[in-house]
Amino acid sequence: MDRIVGGKYKLGRKTGVGSSGEVYEATQIDTSELVAVKIEKDDTRRSELMVEAKMYNILRGKSGIPKIMWSGMDQGDVILVLELLGPNLKELVELCGGEFTLKTVLILAIRMIEILEYVHSKGFLHRDMKPENFVIGNHRRRGQIYIIDFGLATSYLDPATNCHIPCGKTTLTGTDLYASLHALLGNEQSRRDDLESLGFVFMYLLKGRLPWQGLRALSVEDMDSLIADEKRSPEGFCKSLPPEFRSYFDYCRSLKFDQQPDYEFLKHLFLDLLDRRVSSSSDSKSKVATSSIGNS
């Protein structure tokens, strides 16, 4: 493809298709730097790419947040240009034989909680925690983990008062497999829901699948109801996991809608487990993953 967007980014191969449009690898004409370009057809609906561009600008400058290169309109399309990053965690899990070692998951979990804490500190929710939305860096930054895809992000603060929004009823935003129980039951999301959803990502990384994957239903509503039933009891879905994971979910479920989470408590659950249960040696699967996510 010979199209140039933003006056200086020449599109190359298509690398993906998402809910908000297509993703391409592109080259910065002046420097030959490779970048990622997301293209969304402009229409009357809420532009997820415009929301995403706004979020990257608000969050910029922090480790774990991709660098935004350019955003704007081009030939009637909404364009977002980001630094080119590496594979996502779902792809890495598949590369590692379908699951990560406990050590790798604990290292990841601590860093992912830190990144989410930063997003929350800016007054925003991500609302779509899933393995595909965490990627590793390229080249010299292979030891970094990044959070991506802020198209469903929203503020949990009322712009008029700067106070926490009230709890109410709404439709599900996000991915049902990883959504919190409150979200599946039609409740407005808050920080506790991002954290609970992140916990389901940890489960997936450790086991390679979630207990409710493979359920069948006649409608989206029926499916959400079935998944919600499976998620009601942390005692049940955490039975094959170290007890710290049950403690993580119990804590998330104990939070009130507008309560400030204790991120340090959650990080230390996994830090302490890392110290107690996991030796410094790694097996081959852990080596593949940790070579990409950090020096462990």
Foldseek 3Di string as FASTA:
>chain_A
DQDDPPVFWGFDDWDDADPFGTKTWTAGRVPRAIKIKGKGADDDDDRLVVQQVVLLVLLPPDFQRWHWDDWDDDPRITMTITHDFAAFLLVLCVVLVQAFALLLLLVVLLVVLVVQVSSVVSQKDQQADARRQKTFGPDPGLQGIHGHRSSVMDGQADPVPRAGDDKDFAAADYDLQLFALCRLVGIDADSLRSQSSNLSNSVCNHRSDFPLPPDDDDDPNVSSVVSSVVRPDLCVRCVVPPCLSSVSNVQSVPDDRRDDDPSVVNSVSSVVCSVPPPDPDDDPSNVSSNVRHRDD
